[in-house]
Amino acid sequence: MHRLRVLVRALVLPLCLYTVAGVTAAYFVWHGVNGQRGLKTGEEYEQKLEQLRLERNILKLQRMLWESRLALIKGQTVDADILDEEVRKRLGRAHKNDVVIFLPPSNPP
């Protein structure tokens, strides 16, 4: 009985304490890397931020394009080419001298 107590105190108890400490440390290290505010999350935020910046720049270019097209049909005079292009596109008509290329319909995202 006395030898069993000595064995428990000498080997099993320190082993259990080291195991609990190791598991606790591993838990905090794992969450430091993979957690909600971990190292990997910062990199994912940076990638998402770059993607959003690229999308913003594309949308700015599209807006500039639309503003320039609107400037052509605003005001006192309307640019005849722009008006003709829009009317033909909306009505699905073509002039007898136009060359028509049929494309497959694009599915909106």
N, C-alpha and C. Protein backbone atom coordinates (compact mmCIF):
# COMPACT_ATOMS: atom_id res chain seq x y z
N MET A 1 0.82 -1.19 0.00
CA MET A 1 0.00 0.00 0.00
C MET A 1 0.87 1.26 0.00
N HIS A 2 1.92 1.22 0.78
CA HIS A 2 2.81 2.35 0.85
C HIS A 2 3.53 2.57 -0.48
N ARG A 3 3.92 1.49 -1.14
CA ARG A 3 4.60 1.59 -2.43
C ARG A 3 3.67 2.17 -3.50
N LEU A 4 2.39 1.82 -3.40
CA LEU A 4 1.42 2.35 -4.35
C LEU A 4 1.28 3.86 -4.22
N ARG A 5 1.26 4.33 -2.99
CA ARG A 5 1.17 5.78 -2.76
C ARG A 5 2.42 6.48 -3.30
N VAL A 6 3.53 5.90 -3.07
CA VAL A 6 4.77 6.49 -3.55
C VAL A 6 4.78 6.53 -5.08
N LEU A 7 4.32 5.45 -5.69
CA LEU A 7 4.25 5.39 -7.15
C LEU A 7 3.29 6.45 -7.70
N VAL A 8 2.14 6.60 -7.05
CA VAL A 8 1.16 7.61 -7.50
C VAL A 8 1.75 9.00 -7.36
N ARG A 9 2.37 9.27 -6.22
CA ARG A 9 2.95 10.60 -6.00
C ARG A 9 4.15 10.86 -6.91
N ALA A 10 4.91 9.89 -7.19
CA ALA A 10 6.14 10.09 -7.95
C ALA A 10 5.92 10.11 -9.46
N LEU A 11 4.99 9.30 -9.97
CA LEU A 11 4.86 9.19 -11.41
C LEU A 11 3.51 9.66 -11.96
N VAL A 12 2.44 9.16 -11.41
CA VAL A 12 1.13 9.40 -12.01
C VAL A 12 0.68 10.84 -11.82
N LEU A 13 0.84 11.39 -10.63
CA LEU A 13 0.38 12.75 -10.37
C LEU A 13 1.13 13.78 -11.23
N PRO A 14 2.47 13.74 -11.31
CA PRO A 14 3.15 14.69 -12.21
C PRO A 14 2.78 14.48 -13.68
N LEU A 15 2.60 13.22 -14.07
CA LEU A 15 2.21 12.95 -15.45
C LEU A 15 0.85 13.56 -15.78
N CYS A 16 -0.08 13.44 -14.84
CA CYS A 16 -1.41 14.04 -15.04
C CYS A 16 -1.32 15.56 -15.10
N LEU A 17 -0.52 16.16 -14.24
CA LEU A 17 -0.38 17.62 -14.24
C LEU A 17 0.27 18.11 -15.54
N TYR A 18 1.31 17.42 -16.01
CA TYR A 18 1.94 17.81 -17.28
C TYR A 18 0.98 17.63 -18.45
N THR A 19 0.17 16.61 -18.40
CA THR A 19 -0.80 16.38 -19.48
C THR A 19 -1.84 17.49 -19.51
N VAL A 20 -2.37 17.86 -18.35
CA VAL A 20 -3.36 18.94 -18.28
C VAL A 20 -2.73 20.25 -18.75
N ALA A 21 -1.50 20.53 -18.33
CA ALA A 21 -0.83 21.77 -18.75
C ALA A 21 -0.57 21.76 -20.26
N GLY A 22 -0.18 20.61 -20.79
CA GLY A 22 0.07 20.51 -22.23
C GLY A 22 -1.18 20.69 -23.05
N VAL A 23 -2.27 20.09 -22.60
CA VAL A 23 -3.54 20.23 -23.32
C VAL A 23 -4.02 21.68 -23.27
N THR A 24 -3.87 22.31 -22.10
CA THR A 24 -4.28 23.71 -21.97
C THR A 24 -3.44 24.60 -22.89
N ALA A 25 -2.14 24.40 -22.92
CA ALA A 25 -1.27 25.19 -23.79
C ALA A 25 -1.61 24.94 -25.26
N ALA A 26 -1.86 23.70 -25.63
CA ALA A 26 -2.21 23.38 -27.02
C ALA A 26 -3.52 24.05 -27.41
N TYR A 27 -4.46 24.10 -26.50
CA TYR A 27 -5.74 24.77 -26.77
C TYR A 27 -5.53 26.24 -27.11
N PHE A 28 -4.72 26.93 -26.29
CA PHE A 28 -4.50 28.36 -26.53
C PHE A 28 -3.66 28.61 -27.79
N VAL A 29 -2.70 27.75 -28.06
CA VAL A 29 -1.91 27.90 -29.28
C VAL A 29 -2.79 27.68 -30.51
N TRP A 30 -3.63 26.66 -30.47
CA TRP A 30 -4.50 26.39 -31.62
C TRP A 30 -5.42 27.58 -31.87
N HIS A 31 -6.01 28.13 -30.82
CA HIS A 31 -6.90 29.28 -31.01
C HIS A 31 -6.13 30.54 -31.40
N GLY A 32 -4.87 30.63 -31.01
CA GLY A 32 -4.05 31.76 -31.44
C GLY A 32 -3.76 31.74 -32.93
N VAL A 33 -3.73 30.55 -33.50
CA VAL A 33 -3.46 30.43 -34.94
C VAL A 33 -4.76 30.37 -35.73
N ASN A 34 -5.71 29.55 -35.31
CA ASN A 34 -6.91 29.28 -36.10
C ASN A 34 -8.18 29.94 -35.57
N GLY A 35 -8.12 30.60 -34.46
CA GLY A 35 -9.33 31.12 -33.82
C GLY A 35 -9.93 32.31 -34.55
N GLN A 36 -10.92 32.91 -33.93
CA GLN A 36 -11.66 34.02 -34.54
C GLN A 36 -10.76 35.23 -34.80
N ARG A 37 -9.79 35.46 -33.95
CA ARG A 37 -8.85 36.56 -34.13
C ARG A 37 -7.41 36.05 -34.29
N GLY A 38 -7.28 34.87 -34.84
CA GLY A 38 -5.98 34.23 -34.98
C GLY A 38 -5.19 34.75 -36.16
N LEU A 39 -4.00 34.15 -36.33
CA LEU A 39 -3.10 34.57 -37.41
C LEU A 39 -3.67 34.29 -38.79
N LYS A 40 -4.30 33.14 -38.98
CA LYS A 40 -4.86 32.81 -40.29
C LYS A 40 -6.02 33.73 -40.65
N THR A 41 -6.78 34.14 -39.65
CA THR A 41 -7.93 35.01 -39.91
C THR A 41 -7.47 36.36 -40.45
N GLY A 42 -6.35 36.84 -39.93
CA GLY A 42 -5.81 38.12 -40.43
C GLY A 42 -5.47 38.04 -41.91
N GLU A 43 -4.87 36.94 -42.32
CA GLU A 43 -4.53 36.76 -43.73
C GLU A 43 -5.79 36.65 -44.59
N GLU A 44 -6.81 35.96 -44.09
CA GLU A 44 -8.06 35.84 -44.82
C GLU A 44 -8.74 37.20 -44.97
N TYR A 45 -8.67 38.03 -43.91
CA TYR A 45 -9.23 39.37 -43.99
C TYR A 45 -8.50 40.20 -45.03
N GLU A 46 -7.19 40.09 -45.09
CA GLU A 46 -6.42 40.84 -46.08
C GLU A 46 -6.78 40.41 -47.50
N GLN A 47 -6.93 39.12 -47.73
CA GLN A 47 -7.32 38.64 -49.06
C GLN A 47 -8.70 39.15 -49.43
N LYS A 48 -9.63 39.08 -48.50
CA LYS A 48 -10.99 39.55 -48.75
C LYS A 48 -10.99 41.06 -49.02
N LEU A 49 -10.16 41.79 -48.28
CA LEU A 49 -10.06 43.23 -48.48
C LEU A 49 -9.53 43.56 -49.86
N GLU A 50 -8.53 42.83 -50.32
CA GLU A 50 -7.99 43.05 -51.67
C GLU A 50 -9.04 42.74 -52.74
N GLN A 51 -9.79 41.67 -52.52
CA GLN A 51 -10.84 41.31 -53.47
C GLN A 51 -11.90 42.40 -53.53
N LEU A 52 -12.28 42.93 -52.39
CA LEU A 52 -13.29 44.00 -52.36
C LEU A 52 -12.76 45.28 -52.98
N ARG A 53 -11.48 45.57 -52.79
CA ARG A 53 -10.90 46.76 -53.42
C ARG A 53 -10.90 46.63 -54.94
N LEU A 54 -10.57 45.44 -55.43
CA LEU A 54 -10.59 45.20 -56.87
C LEU A 54 -12.01 45.37 -57.42
N GLU A 55 -12.98 44.81 -56.71
CA GLU A 55 -14.38 44.93 -57.14
C GLU A 55 -14.82 46.40 -57.13
N ARG A 56 -14.38 47.16 -56.11
CA ARG A 56 -14.71 48.58 -56.04
C ARG A 56 -14.13 49.33 -57.23
N ASN A 57 -12.88 49.03 -57.59
CA ASN A 57 -12.26 49.71 -58.73
C ASN A 57 -12.97 49.38 -60.04
N ILE A 58 -13.39 48.13 -60.20
CA ILE A 58 -14.14 47.75 -61.39
C ILE A 58 -15.46 48.51 -61.45
N LEU A 59 -16.13 48.61 -60.32
CA LEU A 59 -17.41 49.33 -60.29
C LEU A 59 -17.21 50.83 -60.55
N LYS A 60 -16.10 51.39 -60.08
CA LYS A 60 -15.82 52.80 -60.37
C LYS A 60 -15.63 53.02 -61.87
N LEU A 61 -14.91 52.08 -62.53
CA LEU A 61 -14.72 52.19 -63.97
C LEU A 61 -16.05 52.07 -64.72
N GLN A 62 -16.90 51.14 -64.27
CA GLN A 62 -18.21 51.01 -64.91
C GLN A 62 -19.04 52.28 -64.71
N ARG A 63 -18.95 52.86 -63.53
CA ARG A 63 -19.70 54.09 -63.28
C ARG A 63 -19.21 55.21 -64.17
N MET A 64 -17.88 55.32 -64.34
CA MET A 64 -17.34 56.35 -65.22
C MET A 64 -17.81 56.14 -66.65
N LEU A 65 -17.86 54.88 -67.08
CA LEU A 65 -18.34 54.57 -68.43
C LEU A 65 -19.79 55.01 -68.59
N TRP A 66 -20.63 54.66 -67.60
CA TRP A 66 -22.04 55.02 -67.70
C TRP A 66 -22.23 56.54 -67.62
N GLU A 67 -21.44 57.20 -66.80
CA GLU A 67 -21.54 58.66 -66.72
C GLU A 67 -21.16 59.32 -68.03
N SER A 68 -20.14 58.78 -68.69
CA SER A 68 -19.75 59.36 -69.98
C SER A 68 -20.82 59.10 -71.04
N ARG A 69 -21.45 57.92 -70.99
CA ARG A 69 -22.54 57.64 -71.95
C ARG A 69 -23.76 58.51 -71.66
N LEU A 70 -24.05 58.71 -70.37
CA LEU A 70 -25.18 59.57 -70.03
C LEU A 70 -24.93 61.01 -70.43
N ALA A 71 -23.68 61.45 -70.34
CA ALA A 71 -23.36 62.82 -70.73
C ALA A 71 -23.65 63.04 -72.21
N LEU A 72 -23.55 61.97 -73.01
CA LEU A 72 -23.82 62.11 -74.44
C LEU A 72 -25.31 62.29 -74.74
N ILE A 73 -26.18 61.77 -73.88
CA ILE A 73 -27.61 61.90 -74.17
C ILE A 73 -28.30 62.92 -73.28
N LYS A 74 -27.56 63.53 -72.36
CA LYS A 74 -28.13 64.59 -71.53
C LYS A 74 -28.00 65.93 -72.24
N GLY A 75 -28.74 66.87 -71.79
CA GLY A 75 -28.59 68.23 -72.28
C GLY A 75 -29.52 68.54 -73.45
N GLN A 76 -29.14 69.56 -74.19
CA GLN A 76 -29.97 70.07 -75.27
C GLN A 76 -29.99 69.13 -76.47
N THR A 77 -28.84 68.57 -76.81
CA THR A 77 -28.79 67.69 -77.98
C THR A 77 -28.45 66.27 -77.55
N VAL A 78 -29.02 65.34 -78.26
CA VAL A 78 -28.79 63.93 -77.97
C VAL A 78 -27.90 63.38 -79.10
N ASP A 79 -26.86 62.65 -78.70
CA ASP A 79 -25.98 62.05 -79.70
C ASP A 79 -26.79 61.00 -80.47
N ALA A 80 -26.89 61.16 -81.75
CA ALA A 80 -27.73 60.30 -82.59
C ALA A 80 -27.23 58.85 -82.61
N ASP A 81 -25.93 58.67 -82.58
CA ASP A 81 -25.39 57.31 -82.60
C ASP A 81 -25.76 56.53 -81.33
N ILE A 82 -25.65 57.18 -80.20
CA ILE A 82 -26.00 56.52 -78.93
C ILE A 82 -27.48 56.21 -78.90
N LEU A 83 -28.30 57.16 -79.31
CA LEU A 83 -29.74 56.95 -79.33
C LEU A 83 -30.11 55.81 -80.28
N ASP A 84 -29.51 55.79 -81.44
CA ASP A 84 -29.78 54.74 -82.41
C ASP A 84 -29.35 53.37 -81.88
N GLU A 85 -28.19 53.33 -81.24
CA GLU A 85 -27.69 52.07 -80.68
C GLU A 85 -28.63 51.54 -79.60
N GLU A 86 -29.07 52.40 -78.72
CA GLU A 86 -29.96 51.97 -77.64
C GLU A 86 -31.32 51.51 -78.16
N VAL A 87 -31.85 52.23 -79.13
CA VAL A 87 -33.16 51.87 -79.68
C VAL A 87 -33.07 50.50 -80.35
N ARG A 88 -32.04 50.28 -81.13
CA ARG A 88 -31.90 48.99 -81.80
C ARG A 88 -31.71 47.85 -80.80
N LYS A 89 -30.96 48.13 -79.76
CA LYS A 89 -30.72 47.10 -78.75
C LYS A 89 -32.03 46.76 -78.03
N ARG A 90 -32.79 47.77 -77.69
CA ARG A 90 -34.04 47.54 -76.94
C ARG A 90 -35.11 46.87 -77.80
N LEU A 91 -35.21 47.27 -79.05
CA LEU A 91 -36.27 46.75 -79.92
C LEU A 91 -35.85 45.48 -80.66
N GLY A 92 -34.55 45.17 -80.62
CA GLY A 92 -34.09 43.98 -81.32
C GLY A 92 -34.14 44.13 -82.83
N ARG A 93 -33.96 45.33 -83.32
CA ARG A 93 -34.00 45.59 -84.77
C ARG A 93 -32.61 45.88 -85.30
N ALA A 94 -32.45 45.72 -86.60
CA ALA A 94 -31.18 46.01 -87.25
C ALA A 94 -31.45 46.72 -88.57
N HIS A 95 -30.54 47.54 -88.97
CA HIS A 95 -30.64 48.23 -90.26
C HIS A 95 -30.30 47.23 -91.35
N LYS A 96 -30.76 47.47 -92.57
CA LYS A 96 -30.55 46.51 -93.65
C LYS A 96 -29.08 46.36 -94.01
N ASN A 97 -28.25 47.36 -93.71
CA ASN A 97 -26.83 47.28 -94.02
C ASN A 97 -25.98 46.81 -92.84
N ASP A 98 -26.59 46.51 -91.73
CA ASP A 98 -25.85 46.08 -90.54
C ASP A 98 -25.45 44.61 -90.67
N VAL A 99 -24.30 44.28 -90.10
CA VAL A 99 -23.86 42.90 -89.99
C VAL A 99 -24.24 42.44 -88.58
N VAL A 100 -25.00 41.35 -88.51
CA VAL A 100 -25.49 40.87 -87.22
C VAL A 100 -24.77 39.58 -86.87
N ILE A 101 -24.24 39.54 -85.67
CA ILE A 101 -23.58 38.33 -85.16
C ILE A 101 -24.39 37.87 -83.96
N PHE A 102 -24.92 36.67 -84.06
CA PHE A 102 -25.73 36.13 -82.96
C PHE A 102 -24.83 35.45 -81.94
N LEU A 103 -24.92 35.89 -80.70
CA LEU A 103 -24.18 35.31 -79.59
C LEU A 103 -25.13 34.54 -78.70
N PRO A 104 -24.64 33.51 -78.03
CA PRO A 104 -25.52 32.82 -77.09
C PRO A 104 -25.90 33.75 -75.95
N PRO A 105 -27.12 33.63 -75.44
CA PRO A 105 -27.52 34.53 -74.35
C PRO A 105 -26.66 34.30 -73.12
N SER A 106 -26.30 35.39 -72.48
CA SER A 106 -25.47 35.28 -71.27
C SER A 106 -26.39 35.20 -70.06
N ASN A 107 -26.05 34.30 -69.15
CA ASN A 107 -26.83 34.16 -67.93
C ASN A 107 -26.30 35.14 -66.89
N PRO A 108 -27.16 35.97 -66.33
CA PRO A 108 -26.68 36.92 -65.31
C PRO A 108 -26.27 36.15 -64.05
N PRO A 109 -25.23 36.66 -63.35
CA PRO A 109 -24.73 35.95 -62.16
C PRO A 109 -25.71 35.96 -61.01
